[in-house]
PDB file of N, CA and C in Angstrom:
ATOM      1  N   TYR A   1     274.504 136.638  89.911  1.00  0.00           N
ATOM      2  CA  TYR A   1     275.129 136.477  91.211  1.00  0.00           C
ATOM      3  C   TYR A   1     275.955 137.720  91.495  1.00  0.00           C
ATOM      4  N   LYS A   2     275.739 138.309  92.660  1.00  0.00           N
ATOM      5  CA  LYS A   2     276.368 139.583  92.992  1.00  0.00           C
ATOM      6  C   LYS A   2     277.246 139.444  94.237  1.00  0.00           C
ATOM      7  N   CYS A   3     278.433 140.016  94.167  1.00  0.00           N
ATOM      8  CA  CYS A   3     279.348 140.009  95.300  1.00  0.00           C
ATOM      9  C   CYS A   3     278.812 140.939  96.382  1.00  0.00           C
ATOM     10  N   GLY A   4     278.708 140.419  97.588  1.00  0.00           N
ATOM     11  CA  GLY A   4     278.196 141.205  98.701  1.00  0.00           C
ATOM     12  C   GLY A   4     279.181 142.242  99.218  1.00  0.00           C
ATOM     13  N   GLN A   5     280.453 142.117  98.838  1.00  0.00           N
ATOM     14  CA  GLN A   5     281.452 143.054  99.349  1.00  0.00           C
ATOM     15  C   GLN A   5     281.721 144.228  98.419  1.00  0.00           C
ATOM     16  N   CYS A   6     281.699 143.981  97.110  1.00  0.00           N
ATOM     17  CA  CYS A   6     282.024 145.078  96.189  1.00  0.00           C
ATOM     18  C   CYS A   6     280.930 145.354  95.160  1.00  0.00           C
ATOM     19  N   GLY A   7     279.927 144.484  95.092  1.00  0.00           N
ATOM     20  CA  GLY A   7     278.810 144.705  94.185  1.00  0.00           C
ATOM     21  C   GLY A   7     279.004 144.214  92.766  1.00  0.00           C
ATOM     22  N   LYS A   8     280.162 143.640  92.460  1.00  0.00           N
ATOM     23  CA  LYS A   8     280.406 143.134  91.115  1.00  0.00           C
ATOM     24  C   LYS A   8     279.474 141.956  90.840  1.00  0.00           C
ATOM     25  N   SER A   9     278.929 141.891  89.618  1.00  0.00           N
ATOM     26  CA  SER A   9     277.966 140.843  89.256  1.00  0.00           C
ATOM     27  C   SER A   9     278.573 139.833  88.293  1.00  0.00           C
ATOM     28  N   PHE A  10     278.084 138.595  88.383  1.00  0.00           N
ATOM     29  CA  PHE A  10     278.565 137.496  87.554  1.00  0.00           C
ATOM     30  C   PHE A  10     277.392 136.681  87.048  1.00  0.00           C
ATOM     31  N   ILE A  11     277.536 136.116  85.865  1.00  0.00           N
ATOM     32  CA  ILE A  11     276.498 135.258  85.295  1.00  0.00           C
ATOM     33  C   ILE A  11     276.558 133.874  85.939  1.00  0.00           C
ATOM     34  N   GLU A  12     277.762 133.364  86.125  1.00  0.00           N
ATOM     35  CA  GLU A  12     277.955 132.025  86.695  1.00  0.00           C
ATOM     36  C   GLU A  12     278.315 132.124  88.180  1.00  0.00           C
ATOM     37  N   LYS A  13     277.741 131.237  88.990  1.00  0.00           N
ATOM     38  CA  LYS A  13     278.038 131.226  90.428  1.00  0.00           C
ATOM     39  C   LYS A  13     279.508 130.913  90.681  1.00  0.00           C
ATOM     40  N   ARG A  14     280.074 130.028  89.871  1.00  0.00           N
ATOM     41  CA  ARG A  14     281.479 129.651  90.067  1.00  0.00           C
ATOM     42  C   ARG A  14     282.403 130.851  89.885  1.00  0.00           C
ATOM     43  N   ASP A  15     282.015 131.776  89.000  1.00  0.00           N
ATOM     44  CA  ASP A  15     282.816 132.985  88.808  1.00  0.00           C
ATOM     45  C   ASP A  15     282.737 133.896  90.030  1.00  0.00           C
ATOM     46  N   LEU A  16     281.572 133.954  90.661  1.00  0.00           N
ATOM     47  CA  LEU A  16     281.431 134.721  91.899  1.00  0.00           C
ATOM     48  C   LEU A  16     282.294 134.111  92.997  1.00  0.00           C
ATOM     49  N   VAL A  17     282.242 132.790  93.136  1.00  0.00           N
ATOM     50  CA  VAL A  17     283.024 132.103  94.168  1.00  0.00           C
ATOM     51  C   VAL A  17     284.514 132.380  93.961  1.00  0.00           C
ATOM     52  N   SER A  18     284.963 132.284  92.720  1.00  0.00           N
ATOM     53  CA  SER A  18     286.357 132.568  92.400  1.00  0.00           C
ATOM     54  C   SER A  18     286.701 134.022  92.727  1.00  0.00           C
ATOM     55  N   HIS A  19     285.843 134.938  92.366  1.00  0.00           N
ATOM     56  CA  HIS A  19     286.051 136.363  92.636  1.00  0.00           C
ATOM     57  C   HIS A  19     286.137 136.636  94.137  1.00  0.00           C
ATOM     58  N   GLN A  20     285.308 135.985  94.919  1.00  0.00           N
ATOM     59  CA  GLN A  20     285.281 136.239  96.362  1.00  0.00           C
ATOM     60  C   GLN A  20     286.606 135.902  97.029  1.00  0.00           C
ATOM     61  N   ARG A  21     287.409 135.076  96.401  1.00  0.00           N
ATOM     62  CA  ARG A  21     288.726 134.743  96.956  1.00  0.00           C
ATOM     63  C   ARG A  21     289.634 135.966  96.985  1.00  0.00           C
ATOM     64  N   ILE A  22     289.364 136.948  96.140  1.00  0.00           N
ATOM     65  CA  ILE A  22     290.122 138.198  96.172  1.00  0.00           C
ATOM     66  C   ILE A  22     289.911 138.875  97.525  1.00  0.00           C
ATOM     67  N   HIS A  23     288.682 138.850  98.013  1.00  0.00           N
ATOM     68  CA  HIS A  23     288.353 139.511  99.278  1.00  0.00           C
ATOM     69  C   HIS A  23     288.824 138.702 100.489  1.00  0.00           C
ATOM     70  N   THR A  24     288.796 137.368 100.379  1.00  0.00           N
ATOM     71  CA  THR A  24     289.160 136.529 101.525  1.00  0.00           C
ATOM     72  C   THR A  24     290.650 136.220 101.590  1.00  0.00           C
ATOM     73  N   GLY A  25     291.356 136.398 100.460  1.00  0.00           N
ATOM     74  CA  GLY A  25     292.777 136.062 100.421  1.00  0.00           C
ATOM     75  C   GLY A  25     293.024 134.573 100.305  1.00  0.00           C
ATOM     76  N   GLU A  26     291.996 133.819  99.958  1.00  0.00           N
ATOM     77  CA  GLU A  26     292.102 132.364  99.862  1.00  0.00           C
ATOM     78  C   GLU A  26     292.853 131.950  98.595  1.00  0.00           C
ATOM     79  N   TYR A  27     293.797 131.026  98.764  1.00  0.00           N
ATOM     80  CA  TYR A  27     294.550 130.444  97.652  1.00  0.00           C
ATOM     81  C   TYR A  27     294.469 128.923  97.798  1.00  0.00           C
ATOM     82  N   PRO A  28     293.386 128.309  97.323  1.00  0.00           N
ATOM     83  CA  PRO A  28     293.147 126.893  97.584  1.00  0.00           C
ATOM     84  C   PRO A  28     293.895 125.907  96.682  1.00  0.00           C
ATOM     85  N   CYS A  29     294.717 126.402  95.767  1.00  0.00           N
ATOM     86  CA  CYS A  29     295.400 125.517  94.813  1.00  0.00           C
ATOM     87  C   CYS A  29     296.913 125.627  94.984  1.00  0.00           C
ATOM     88  N   PRO A  30     297.500 124.864  95.914  1.00  0.00           N
ATOM     89  CA  PRO A  30     298.939 124.959  96.148  1.00  0.00           C
ATOM     90  C   PRO A  30     299.746 124.150  95.133  1.00  0.00           C
ATOM     91  N   CYS A  31     300.918 124.648  94.817  1.00  0.00           N
ATOM     92  CA  CYS A  31     301.849 123.920  93.962  1.00  0.00           C
ATOM     93  C   CYS A  31     302.548 122.867  94.820  1.00  0.00           C
ATOM     94  N   THR A  32     302.696 121.671  94.281  1.00  0.00           N
ATOM     95  CA  THR A  32     303.361 120.596  95.034  1.00  0.00           C
ATOM     96  C   THR A  32     304.876 120.650  94.885  1.00  0.00           C
ATOM     97  N   HIS A  33     305.374 121.551  94.021  1.00  0.00           N
ATOM     98  CA  HIS A  33     306.809 121.631  93.759  1.00  0.00           C
ATOM     99  C   HIS A  33     307.487 122.838  94.405  1.00  0.00           C
ATOM    100  N   CYS A  34     306.702 123.829  94.814  1.00  0.00           N
ATOM    101  CA  CYS A  34     307.262 125.039  95.419  1.00  0.00           C
ATOM    102  C   CYS A  34     306.204 125.658  96.341  1.00  0.00           C
ATOM    103  N   PRO A  35     306.546 126.716  97.057  1.00  0.00           N
ATOM    104  CA  PRO A  35     305.607 127.295  98.028  1.00  0.00           C
ATOM    105  C   PRO A  35     304.457 128.126  97.450  1.00  0.00           C
ATOM    106  N   LYS A  36     304.398 128.303  96.147  1.00  0.00           N
ATOM    107  CA  LYS A  36     303.345 129.139  95.564  1.00  0.00           C
ATOM    108  C   LYS A  36     301.976 128.473  95.641  1.00  0.00           C
ATOM    109  N   ALA A  37     300.944 129.310  95.696  1.00  0.00           N
ATOM    110  CA  ALA A  37     299.559 128.836  95.673  1.00  0.00           C
ATOM    111  C   ALA A  37     298.750 129.799  94.809  1.00  0.00           C
ATOM    112  N   PHE A  38     297.636 129.306  94.290  1.00  0.00           N
ATOM    113  CA  PHE A  38     296.851 130.064  93.322  1.00  0.00           C
ATOM    114  C   PHE A  38     295.374 130.015  93.663  1.00  0.00           C
ATOM    115  N   ARG A  39     294.650 131.039  93.205  1.00  0.00           N
ATOM    116  CA  ARG A  39     293.206 131.090  93.423  1.00  0.00           C
ATOM    117  C   ARG A  39     292.469 130.162  92.476  1.00  0.00           C
ATOM    118  N   LEU A  40     293.018 129.972  91.275  1.00  0.00           N
ATOM    119  CA  LEU A  40     292.350 129.175  90.245  1.00  0.00           C
ATOM    120  C   LEU A  40     293.199 127.980  89.838  1.00  0.00           C
ATOM    121  N   LYS A  41     292.537 126.856  89.601  1.00  0.00           N
ATOM    122  CA  LYS A  41     293.252 125.650  89.193  1.00  0.00           C
ATOM    123  C   LYS A  41     293.958 125.854  87.854  1.00  0.00           C
ATOM    124  N   ASN A  42     293.338 126.610  86.948  1.00  0.00           N
ATOM    125  CA  ASN A  42     293.970 126.869  85.653  1.00  0.00           C
ATOM    126  C   ASN A  42     295.289 127.619  85.816  1.00  0.00           C
ATOM    127  N   ASP A  43     295.348 128.531  86.768  1.00  0.00           N
ATOM    128  CA  ASP A  43     296.592 129.261  87.025  1.00  0.00           C
ATOM    129  C   ASP A  43     297.657 128.326  87.584  1.00  0.00           C
ATOM    130  N   LEU A  44     297.259 127.411  88.451  1.00  0.00           N
ATOM    131  CA  LEU A  44     298.188 126.418  88.983  1.00  0.00           C
ATOM    132  C   LEU A  44     298.716 125.537  87.864  1.00  0.00           C
ATOM    133  N   THR A  45     297.839 125.068  86.997  1.00  0.00           N
ATOM    134  CA  THR A  45     298.240 124.200  85.886  1.00  0.00           C
ATOM    135  C   THR A  45     299.258 124.908  84.990  1.00  0.00           C
ATOM    136  N   ALA A  46     298.999 126.159  84.670  1.00  0.00           N
ATOM    137  CA  ALA A  46     299.935 126.929  83.841  1.00  0.00           C
ATOM    138  C   ALA A  46     301.273 127.094  84.565  1.00  0.00           C
ATOM    139  N   HIS A  47     301.243 127.367  85.859  1.00  0.00           N
ATOM    140  CA  HIS A  47     302.461 127.540  86.649  1.00  0.00           C
ATOM    141  C   HIS A  47     303.285 126.259  86.689  1.00  0.00           C
ATOM    142  N   GLN A  48     302.632 125.120  86.832  1.00  0.00           N
ATOM    143  CA  GLN A  48     303.350 123.856  86.976  1.00  0.00           C
ATOM    144  C   GLN A  48     304.182 123.512  85.748  1.00  0.00           C
ATOM    145  N   ARG A  49     303.879 124.134  84.628  1.00  0.00           N
ATOM    146  CA  ARG A  49     304.676 123.889  83.421  1.00  0.00           C
ATOM    147  C   ARG A  49     306.129 124.332  83.603  1.00  0.00           C
ATOM    148  N   ILE A  50     306.384 125.298  84.478  1.00  0.00           N
ATOM    149  CA  ILE A  50     307.773 125.715  84.689  1.00  0.00           C
ATOM    150  C   ILE A  50     308.569 124.618  85.391  1.00  0.00           C
ATOM    151  N   HIS A  51     307.886 123.770  86.138  1.00  0.00           N
ATOM    152  CA  HIS A  51     308.565 122.678  86.830  1.00  0.00           C
ATOM    153  C   HIS A  51     308.765 121.471  85.914  1.00  0.00           C
ATOM    154  N   THR A  52     307.882 121.294  84.941  1.00  0.00           N
ATOM    155  CA  THR A  52     307.952 120.127  84.055  1.00  0.00           C
ATOM    156  C   THR A  52     308.598 120.445  82.713  1.00  0.00           C
ATOM    157  N   CYS A  53     308.916 121.724  82.472  1.00  0.00           N
ATOM    158  CA  CYS A  53     309.482 122.187  81.196  1.00  0.00           C
ATOM    159  C   CYS A  53     308.533 121.955  80.028  1.00  0.00           C
ATOM    160  N   GLU A  54     307.253 121.782  80.322  1.00  0.00           N
ATOM    161  CA  GLU A  54     306.241 121.567  79.282  1.00  0.00           C
ATOM    162  C   GLU A  54     305.900 122.896  78.627  1.00  0.00           C
ATOM    163  N   LYS A  55     305.753 122.872  77.319  1.00  0.00           N
ATOM    164  CA  LYS A  55     305.366 124.075  76.575  1.00  0.00           C
ATOM    165  C   LYS A  55     303.845 124.183  76.548  1.00  0.00           C
ATOM    166  N   PRO A  56     303.309 125.404  76.583  1.00  0.00           N
ATOM    167  CA  PRO A  56     301.845 125.570  76.549  1.00  0.00           C
ATOM    168  C   PRO A  56     301.228 125.118  75.238  1.00  0.00           C
TER     169      PRO A  56
END
């Protein structure tokens, strides 16, 4: 799968979709505790630990 904007290639389609958010500025994973938003759910999950005081 190849990005039509920059030519970067990916093995998995989901990785291409995630990468394309760099070009679109899309942040579909908002934090429910503060105004921050993230491109990836894993980044949101890691961020939310600061609100819950949970250790990684």
